[in-house]
Amino acid sequence: MAKESGAFKLLAGLLIGAAAGAAAGLLMAPQSGEETRKQLRKEADKLKKDLDKYSNDFSEKAKKAKADLEVRLAEVKSKLQSTANDLKSDAKKAKDEFEENVGV
């Protein structure tokens, strides 16, 4: 989880840096305002598509992690239930043996 969080922060930083650099470059370029606005829209659309792609990737990873966690929890619950049943059975046997030895 920590690696994914670090990767997400790195990716977000790269996207923000790319957007800021692209905007600064376009604003300082020797072209008309109309051309600059068109380029800004084009860059914004490209960044939005990239962000959507990465957010979908992270969303899929989160869904997979959740499903894996649910499977692991079910396994742990099953093992705990089995252990509890074994302990109950052992306790009943010990009780029966005790009663048999004491003559209750």
C-alpha atoms as a PDB file:
ATOM      1  CA  MET A   1       0.000   0.000   0.000  1.00  0.00           C
ATOM      2  CA  ALA A   2       2.797   2.446   0.870  1.00  0.00           C
ATOM      3  CA  LYS A   3       4.452   1.855  -2.513  1.00  0.00           C
ATOM      4  CA  GLU A   4       1.194   2.568  -4.333  1.00  0.00           C
ATOM      5  CA  SER A   5       0.699   5.751  -2.317  1.00  0.00           C
ATOM      6  CA  GLY A   6       4.240   6.860  -3.160  1.00  0.00           C
ATOM      7  CA  ALA A   7       3.688   6.019  -6.819  1.00  0.00           C
ATOM      8  CA  PHE A   8       0.458   7.981  -6.823  1.00  0.00           C
ATOM      9  CA  LYS A   9       2.159  11.008  -5.260  1.00  0.00           C
ATOM     10  CA  LEU A  10       4.980  10.802  -7.795  1.00  0.00           C
ATOM     11  CA  LEU A  11       2.534  10.498 -10.672  1.00  0.00           C
ATOM     12  CA  ALA A  12       0.423  13.391  -9.404  1.00  0.00           C
ATOM     13  CA  GLY A  13       3.549  15.529  -9.017  1.00  0.00           C
ATOM     14  CA  LEU A  14       4.688  14.688 -12.524  1.00  0.00           C
ATOM     15  CA  LEU A  15       1.289  15.525 -13.996  1.00  0.00           C
ATOM     16  CA  ILE A  16       1.068  18.808 -12.106  1.00  0.00           C
ATOM     17  CA  GLY A  17       4.622  19.696 -13.098  1.00  0.00           C
ATOM     18  CA  ALA A  18       3.950  18.841 -16.740  1.00  0.00           C
ATOM     19  CA  ALA A  19       0.788  20.932 -16.732  1.00  0.00           C
ATOM     20  CA  ALA A  20       2.534  23.901 -15.124  1.00  0.00           C
ATOM     21  CA  GLY A  21       5.482  23.633 -17.525  1.00  0.00           C
ATOM     22  CA  ALA A  22       3.224  23.341 -20.549  1.00  0.00           C
ATOM     23  CA  ALA A  23       1.137  26.315 -19.434  1.00  0.00           C
ATOM     24  CA  ALA A  24       4.223  28.448 -18.758  1.00  0.00           C
ATOM     25  CA  GLY A  25       5.742  27.505 -22.106  1.00  0.00           C
ATOM     26  CA  LEU A  26       2.563  28.304 -23.984  1.00  0.00           C
ATOM     27  CA  LEU A  27       2.062  31.615 -22.228  1.00  0.00           C
ATOM     28  CA  MET A  28       5.608  32.719 -23.040  1.00  0.00           C
ATOM     29  CA  ALA A  29       5.506  31.505 -26.656  1.00  0.00           C
ATOM     30  CA  PRO A  30       5.458  34.114 -29.446  1.00  0.00           C
ATOM     31  CA  GLN A  31       2.024  33.328 -30.885  1.00  0.00           C
ATOM     32  CA  SER A  32      -1.443  34.811 -30.890  1.00  0.00           C
ATOM     33  CA  GLY A  33      -3.817  34.493 -27.981  1.00  0.00           C
ATOM     34  CA  GLU A  34      -6.191  32.326 -30.028  1.00  0.00           C
ATOM     35  CA  GLU A  35      -3.423  29.885 -30.902  1.00  0.00           C
ATOM     36  CA  THR A  36      -2.302  29.830 -27.271  1.00  0.00           C
ATOM     37  CA  ARG A  37      -5.838  29.105 -26.043  1.00  0.00           C
ATOM     38  CA  LYS A  38      -6.190  26.271 -28.577  1.00  0.00           C
ATOM     39  CA  GLN A  39      -2.913  24.767 -27.417  1.00  0.00           C
ATOM     40  CA  LEU A  40      -3.908  25.141 -23.770  1.00  0.00           C
ATOM     41  CA  ARG A  41      -7.220  23.377 -24.440  1.00  0.00           C
ATOM     42  CA  LYS A  42      -5.401  20.620 -26.308  1.00  0.00           C
ATOM     43  CA  GLU A  43      -2.914  20.139 -23.464  1.00  0.00           C
ATOM     44  CA  ALA A  44      -5.693  20.242 -20.864  1.00  0.00           C
ATOM     45  CA  ASP A  45      -7.642  17.580 -22.760  1.00  0.00           C
ATOM     46  CA  LYS A  46      -4.519  15.410 -23.024  1.00  0.00           C
ATOM     47  CA  LEU A  47      -3.813  15.753 -19.302  1.00  0.00           C
ATOM     48  CA  LYS A  48      -7.452  14.978 -18.465  1.00  0.00           C
ATOM     49  CA  LYS A  49      -7.289  11.783 -20.542  1.00  0.00           C
ATOM     50  CA  ASP A  50      -4.027  10.784 -18.837  1.00  0.00           C
ATOM     51  CA  LEU A  51      -5.493  11.483 -15.415  1.00  0.00           C
ATOM     52  CA  ASP A  52      -8.631   9.480 -16.236  1.00  0.00           C
ATOM     53  CA  LYS A  53      -6.473   6.578 -17.400  1.00  0.00           C
ATOM     54  CA  TYR A  54      -4.348   6.595 -14.260  1.00  0.00           C
ATOM     55  CA  SER A  55      -7.314   7.043 -11.946  1.00  0.00           C
ATOM     56  CA  ASN A  56      -9.029   4.061 -13.606  1.00  0.00           C
ATOM     57  CA  ASP A  57      -5.837   2.021 -13.171  1.00  0.00           C
ATOM     58  CA  PHE A  58      -5.683   2.929  -9.479  1.00  0.00           C
ATOM     59  CA  SER A  59      -9.398   2.249  -9.098  1.00  0.00           C
ATOM     60  CA  GLU A  60      -8.956  -1.226 -10.575  1.00  0.00           C
ATOM     61  CA  LYS A  61      -6.000  -1.879  -8.277  1.00  0.00           C
ATOM     62  CA  ALA A  62      -8.060  -0.750  -5.284  1.00  0.00           C
ATOM     63  CA  LYS A  63     -10.915  -3.074  -6.286  1.00  0.00           C
ATOM     64  CA  LYS A  64      -8.481  -5.978  -6.665  1.00  0.00           C
ATOM     65  CA  ALA A  65      -6.882  -5.211  -3.304  1.00  0.00           C
ATOM     66  CA  LYS A  66     -10.327  -5.115  -1.687  1.00  0.00           C
ATOM     67  CA  ALA A  67     -11.287  -8.452  -3.236  1.00  0.00           C
ATOM     68  CA  ASP A  68      -7.984 -10.000  -2.111  1.00  0.00           C
ATOM     69  CA  LEU A  69      -8.524  -8.668   1.396  1.00  0.00           C
ATOM     70  CA  GLU A  70     -12.045 -10.083   1.517  1.00  0.00           C
ATOM     71  CA  VAL A  71     -10.719 -13.508   0.466  1.00  0.00           C
ATOM     72  CA  ARG A  72      -8.007 -13.379   3.129  1.00  0.00           C
ATOM     73  CA  LEU A  73     -10.498 -12.320   5.784  1.00  0.00           C
ATOM     74  CA  ALA A  74     -12.795 -15.189   4.837  1.00  0.00           C
ATOM     75  CA  GLU A  75      -9.863 -17.595   5.128  1.00  0.00           C
ATOM     76  CA  VAL A  76      -8.911 -16.238   8.555  1.00  0.00           C
ATOM     77  CA  LYS A  77     -12.523 -16.428   9.710  1.00  0.00           C
ATOM     78  CA  SER A  78     -12.751 -20.013   8.533  1.00  0.00           C
ATOM     79  CA  LYS A  79      -9.511 -20.945  10.322  1.00  0.00           C
ATOM     80  CA  LEU A  80     -10.694 -19.242  13.512  1.00  0.00           C
ATOM     81  CA  GLN A  81     -14.024 -21.067  13.358  1.00  0.00           C
ATOM     82  CA  SER A  82     -12.234 -24.371  12.795  1.00  0.00           C
ATOM     83  CA  THR A  83      -9.899 -23.694  15.725  1.00  0.00           C
ATOM     84  CA  ALA A  84     -12.833 -22.744  17.939  1.00  0.00           C
ATOM     85  CA  ASN A  85     -14.637 -25.950  17.002  1.00  0.00           C
ATOM     86  CA  ASP A  86     -11.502 -27.988  17.723  1.00  0.00           C
ATOM     87  CA  LEU A  87     -11.127 -26.287  21.115  1.00  0.00           C
ATOM     88  CA  LYS A  88     -14.773 -26.982  21.974  1.00  0.00           C
ATOM     89  CA  SER A  89     -14.343 -30.619  20.996  1.00  0.00           C
ATOM     90  CA  ASP A  90     -11.148 -30.930  23.049  1.00  0.00           C
ATOM     91  CA  ALA A  91     -12.824 -29.264  26.048  1.00  0.00           C
ATOM     92  CA  LYS A  92     -15.791 -31.634  25.801  1.00  0.00           C
ATOM     93  CA  LYS A  93     -13.464 -34.650  25.646  1.00  0.00           C
ATOM     94  CA  ALA A  94     -11.499 -33.389  28.652  1.00  0.00           C
ATOM     95  CA  LYS A  95     -14.744 -32.802  30.566  1.00  0.00           C
ATOM     96  CA  ASP A  96     -16.024 -36.277  29.708  1.00  0.00           C
ATOM     97  CA  GLU A  97     -12.709 -37.876  30.752  1.00  0.00           C
ATOM     98  CA  PHE A  98     -12.688 -35.906  33.991  1.00  0.00           C
ATOM     99  CA  GLU A  99     -16.245 -36.932  34.826  1.00  0.00           C
ATOM    100  CA  GLU A 100     -15.414 -40.537  33.969  1.00  0.00           C
ATOM    101  CA  ASN A 101     -12.290 -40.522  36.192  1.00  0.00           C
ATOM    102  CA  VAL A 102     -13.997 -38.717  39.076  1.00  0.00           C
ATOM    103  CA  GLY A 103     -17.078 -40.869  38.772  1.00  0.00           C
ATOM    104  CA  VAL A 104     -19.612 -38.080  38.356  1.00  0.00           C
END
